[in-house]
Amino acid sequence: MWNKGKAGPDLQRYAGKTSLLAVGAELHGDMRFDGAVQVDGAVKGNLQALEGLVRVSALGRVEGDIRAPHVIVDGEVLGDIHASEHLELGAKARIRGNLHYGVMEMAMGAQVEGNLCHMHGAERPLELPQCIDGE
């Protein structure tokens, strides 16, 4: 797990385009980006990467949807995950939401409350719904 000794999405690939939400920090609101974000703190909102990686560490927590080509979770996510290419769940992952993925790796110990949905080619939406005033 966590890309030890194998090729695949990695934070180093996004050098100069990586954001970190540190332990104890909280982000309230949606975040859209290209590159990578590592969540060691808490996010209350949606995370979206058109190209890139979202990593939720063992101490990280996201209350919202995650949409990115590559998603790695070893913390807690309360929301749906849409990983158009690769989804990796570590042994400490705790997910309450539906998982949509191209390819998924899941370590023993990971917990999921929700549906598992394999996506095929054109079924891989990355856009979050736009907010409409008054909703």
C-alpha atoms as a PDB file:
ATOM      1  CA  MET A   1       0.000   0.000   0.000  1.00  0.00           C
ATOM      2  CA  TRP A   2       1.059   3.647  -0.341  1.00  0.00           C
ATOM      3  CA  ASN A   3       3.019   2.866  -3.515  1.00  0.00           C
ATOM      4  CA  LYS A   4       5.960   1.122  -1.862  1.00  0.00           C
ATOM      5  CA  GLY A   5       8.187  -0.254  -4.578  1.00  0.00           C
ATOM      6  CA  LYS A   6       5.680   0.104  -7.409  1.00  0.00           C
ATOM      7  CA  ALA A   7       4.910   2.548 -10.152  1.00  0.00           C
ATOM      8  CA  GLY A   8       1.728   4.566  -9.834  1.00  0.00           C
ATOM      9  CA  PRO A   9       0.374   7.890  -8.687  1.00  0.00           C
ATOM     10  CA  ASP A  10       2.654   9.511  -6.148  1.00  0.00           C
ATOM     11  CA  LEU A  11       2.907  12.948  -4.564  1.00  0.00           C
ATOM     12  CA  GLN A  12       6.461  13.323  -5.946  1.00  0.00           C
ATOM     13  CA  ARG A  13       5.000  13.238  -9.449  1.00  0.00           C
ATOM     14  CA  TYR A  14       3.257  16.525  -8.649  1.00  0.00           C
ATOM     15  CA  ALA A  15       6.286  18.394  -7.298  1.00  0.00           C
ATOM     16  CA  GLY A  16       5.488  22.102  -7.271  1.00  0.00           C
ATOM     17  CA  LYS A  17       1.764  21.365  -7.596  1.00  0.00           C
ATOM     18  CA  THR A  18       1.189  19.724  -4.208  1.00  0.00           C
ATOM     19  CA  SER A  19      -0.911  21.204  -1.413  1.00  0.00           C
ATOM     20  CA  LEU A  20      -0.922  19.965   2.168  1.00  0.00           C
ATOM     21  CA  LEU A  21      -3.627  20.412   4.760  1.00  0.00           C
ATOM     22  CA  ALA A  22      -1.718  19.839   7.996  1.00  0.00           C
ATOM     23  CA  VAL A  23      -2.848  17.983  11.108  1.00  0.00           C
ATOM     24  CA  GLY A  24      -5.100  20.296  13.139  1.00  0.00           C
ATOM     25  CA  ALA A  25      -5.995  22.462  10.135  1.00  0.00           C
ATOM     26  CA  GLU A  26      -9.582  22.655   8.831  1.00  0.00           C
ATOM     27  CA  LEU A  27     -10.821  23.673   5.408  1.00  0.00           C
ATOM     28  CA  HIS A  28     -14.488  24.654   5.063  1.00  0.00           C
ATOM     29  CA  GLY A  29     -15.608  24.815   1.436  1.00  0.00           C
ATOM     30  CA  ASP A  30     -14.893  23.198  -1.902  1.00  0.00           C
ATOM     31  CA  MET A  31     -11.382  22.945  -3.347  1.00  0.00           C
ATOM     32  CA  ARG A  32     -10.638  22.571  -7.074  1.00  0.00           C
ATOM     33  CA  PHE A  33      -7.094  22.050  -8.285  1.00  0.00           C
ATOM     34  CA  ASP A  34      -4.693  20.423 -10.708  1.00  0.00           C
ATOM     35  CA  GLY A  35      -1.887  18.514  -9.066  1.00  0.00           C
ATOM     36  CA  ALA A  36      -2.035  16.801  -5.706  1.00  0.00           C
ATOM     37  CA  VAL A  37      -3.436  17.472  -2.272  1.00  0.00           C
ATOM     38  CA  GLN A  38      -2.639  15.580   0.899  1.00  0.00           C
ATOM     39  CA  VAL A  39      -5.196  15.844   3.691  1.00  0.00           C
ATOM     40  CA  ASP A  40      -3.717  15.304   7.148  1.00  0.00           C
ATOM     41  CA  GLY A  41      -6.315  17.611   8.749  1.00  0.00           C
ATOM     42  CA  ALA A  42     -10.059  18.007   8.124  1.00  0.00           C
ATOM     43  CA  VAL A  43     -12.010  19.109   5.042  1.00  0.00           C
ATOM     44  CA  LYS A  44     -15.698  19.967   5.179  1.00  0.00           C
ATOM     45  CA  GLY A  45     -16.451  20.318   1.498  1.00  0.00           C
ATOM     46  CA  ASN A  46     -15.768  18.687  -1.846  1.00  0.00           C
ATOM     47  CA  LEU A  47     -12.324  18.059  -3.354  1.00  0.00           C
ATOM     48  CA  GLN A  48     -11.935  18.005  -7.137  1.00  0.00           C
ATOM     49  CA  ALA A  49      -8.862  17.475  -9.303  1.00  0.00           C
ATOM     50  CA  LEU A  50      -9.308  17.358 -13.076  1.00  0.00           C
ATOM     51  CA  GLU A  51      -5.774  15.978 -13.284  1.00  0.00           C
ATOM     52  CA  GLY A  52      -4.058  14.745 -10.177  1.00  0.00           C
ATOM     53  CA  LEU A  53      -4.183  12.956  -6.886  1.00  0.00           C
ATOM     54  CA  VAL A  54      -6.040  13.249  -3.599  1.00  0.00           C
ATOM     55  CA  ARG A  55      -4.465  11.515  -0.597  1.00  0.00           C
ATOM     56  CA  VAL A  56      -6.257  11.301   2.761  1.00  0.00           C
ATOM     57  CA  SER A  57      -3.744  10.174   5.393  1.00  0.00           C
ATOM     58  CA  ALA A  58      -4.542   8.061   8.461  1.00  0.00           C
ATOM     59  CA  LEU A  59      -5.175  11.260  10.464  1.00  0.00           C
ATOM     60  CA  GLY A  60      -7.143  12.960   7.654  1.00  0.00           C
ATOM     61  CA  ARG A  61     -10.909  13.372   7.413  1.00  0.00           C
ATOM     62  CA  VAL A  62     -13.046  14.568   4.489  1.00  0.00           C
ATOM     63  CA  GLU A  63     -16.755  15.329   4.846  1.00  0.00           C
ATOM     64  CA  GLY A  64     -17.729  15.713   1.213  1.00  0.00           C
ATOM     65  CA  ASP A  65     -17.229  14.142  -2.181  1.00  0.00           C
ATOM     66  CA  ILE A  66     -13.821  13.488  -3.727  1.00  0.00           C
ATOM     67  CA  ARG A  67     -13.370  13.518  -7.518  1.00  0.00           C
ATOM     68  CA  ALA A  68      -9.931  12.898  -9.032  1.00  0.00           C
ATOM     69  CA  PRO A  69      -8.186  10.506 -11.395  1.00  0.00           C
ATOM     70  CA  HIS A  70      -6.189   9.045  -8.490  1.00  0.00           C
ATOM     71  CA  VAL A  71      -7.401   8.787  -4.883  1.00  0.00           C
ATOM     72  CA  ILE A  72      -5.528   7.212  -1.962  1.00  0.00           C
ATOM     73  CA  VAL A  73      -7.330   6.910   1.383  1.00  0.00           C
ATOM     74  CA  ASP A  74      -6.003   5.686   4.704  1.00  0.00           C
ATOM     75  CA  GLY A  75      -8.176   8.017   6.801  1.00  0.00           C
ATOM     76  CA  GLU A  76     -11.887   8.819   6.969  1.00  0.00           C
ATOM     77  CA  VAL A  77     -14.187   9.957   4.158  1.00  0.00           C
ATOM     78  CA  LEU A  78     -17.875  10.749   4.668  1.00  0.00           C
ATOM     79  CA  GLY A  79     -19.004  11.149   1.074  1.00  0.00           C
ATOM     80  CA  ASP A  80     -18.753   9.578  -2.345  1.00  0.00           C
ATOM     81  CA  ILE A  81     -15.412   8.977  -4.044  1.00  0.00           C
ATOM     82  CA  HIS A  82     -15.072   9.175  -7.836  1.00  0.00           C
ATOM     83  CA  ALA A  83     -11.596   7.960  -8.856  1.00  0.00           C
ATOM     84  CA  SER A  84     -11.708   7.820 -12.648  1.00  0.00           C
ATOM     85  CA  GLU A  85      -8.424   5.889 -12.893  1.00  0.00           C
ATOM     86  CA  HIS A  86      -7.199   4.436  -9.603  1.00  0.00           C
ATOM     87  CA  LEU A  87      -8.566   4.146  -6.054  1.00  0.00           C
ATOM     88  CA  GLU A  88      -6.394   2.796  -3.255  1.00  0.00           C
ATOM     89  CA  LEU A  89      -7.771   2.060   0.226  1.00  0.00           C
ATOM     90  CA  GLY A  90      -5.261   1.506   3.015  1.00  0.00           C
ATOM     91  CA  ALA A  91      -5.790  -0.729   6.034  1.00  0.00           C
ATOM     92  CA  LYS A  92      -7.021   2.207   8.161  1.00  0.00           C
ATOM     93  CA  ALA A  93      -9.446   3.593   5.540  1.00  0.00           C
ATOM     94  CA  ARG A  94     -12.983   4.277   6.789  1.00  0.00           C
ATOM     95  CA  ILE A  95     -15.429   5.264   4.051  1.00  0.00           C
ATOM     96  CA  ARG A  96     -19.127   6.059   4.411  1.00  0.00           C
ATOM     97  CA  GLY A  97     -20.220   6.649   0.833  1.00  0.00           C
ATOM     98  CA  ASN A  98     -20.284   5.118  -2.617  1.00  0.00           C
ATOM     99  CA  LEU A  99     -17.053   4.303  -4.442  1.00  0.00           C
ATOM    100  CA  HIS A 100     -16.792   4.849  -8.214  1.00  0.00           C
ATOM    101  CA  TYR A 101     -13.472   3.730  -9.673  1.00  0.00           C
ATOM    102  CA  GLY A 102     -11.581   2.589 -12.747  1.00  0.00           C
ATOM    103  CA  VAL A 103      -9.283   0.241 -10.797  1.00  0.00           C
ATOM    104  CA  MET A 104      -9.363  -0.323  -7.032  1.00  0.00           C
ATOM    105  CA  GLU A 105      -6.895  -1.746  -4.503  1.00  0.00           C
ATOM    106  CA  MET A 106      -8.187  -2.437  -1.003  1.00  0.00           C
ATOM    107  CA  ALA A 107      -6.054  -3.549   1.941  1.00  0.00           C
ATOM    108  CA  MET A 108      -7.314  -5.894   4.613  1.00  0.00           C
ATOM    109  CA  GLY A 109      -8.852  -3.811   7.385  1.00  0.00           C
ATOM    110  CA  ALA A 110     -10.316  -1.076   5.175  1.00  0.00           C
ATOM    111  CA  GLN A 111     -13.973  -0.367   5.981  1.00  0.00           C
ATOM    112  CA  VAL A 112     -16.585   0.731   3.417  1.00  0.00           C
ATOM    113  CA  GLU A 113     -20.268   1.500   4.040  1.00  0.00           C
ATOM    114  CA  GLY A 114     -21.642   2.045   0.555  1.00  0.00           C
ATOM    115  CA  ASN A 115     -21.778   0.674  -2.953  1.00  0.00           C
ATOM    116  CA  LEU A 116     -18.812  -0.248  -5.142  1.00  0.00           C
ATOM    117  CA  CYS A 117     -19.253   0.878  -8.748  1.00  0.00           C
ATOM    118  CA  HIS A 118     -16.711   0.089 -11.461  1.00  0.00           C
ATOM    119  CA  MET A 119     -16.660   2.863 -14.092  1.00  0.00           C
ATOM    120  CA  HIS A 120     -16.084   2.287 -17.783  1.00  0.00           C
ATOM    121  CA  GLY A 121     -14.529   4.857 -20.145  1.00  0.00           C
ATOM    122  CA  ALA A 122     -17.250   7.435 -20.835  1.00  0.00           C
ATOM    123  CA  GLU A 123     -18.800   6.878 -17.381  1.00  0.00           C
ATOM    124  CA  ARG A 124     -15.939   8.682 -15.655  1.00  0.00           C
ATOM    125  CA  PRO A 125     -17.331  12.132 -14.793  1.00  0.00           C
ATOM    126  CA  LEU A 126     -14.988  14.487 -12.969  1.00  0.00           C
ATOM    127  CA  GLU A 127     -17.118  17.616 -12.754  1.00  0.00           C
ATOM    128  CA  LEU A 128     -18.847  18.451  -9.500  1.00  0.00           C
ATOM    129  CA  PRO A 129     -22.404  19.762  -9.798  1.00  0.00           C
ATOM    130  CA  GLN A 130     -22.477  23.537  -9.953  1.00  0.00           C
ATOM    131  CA  CYS A 131     -24.150  25.300  -7.025  1.00  0.00           C
ATOM    132  CA  ILE A 132     -27.313  27.235  -7.814  1.00  0.00           C
ATOM    133  CA  ASP A 133     -28.186  30.241  -5.660  1.00  0.00           C
ATOM    134  CA  GLY A 134     -30.836  29.434  -3.084  1.00  0.00           C
ATOM    135  CA  GLU A 135     -29.894  25.773  -2.727  1.00  0.00           C
END
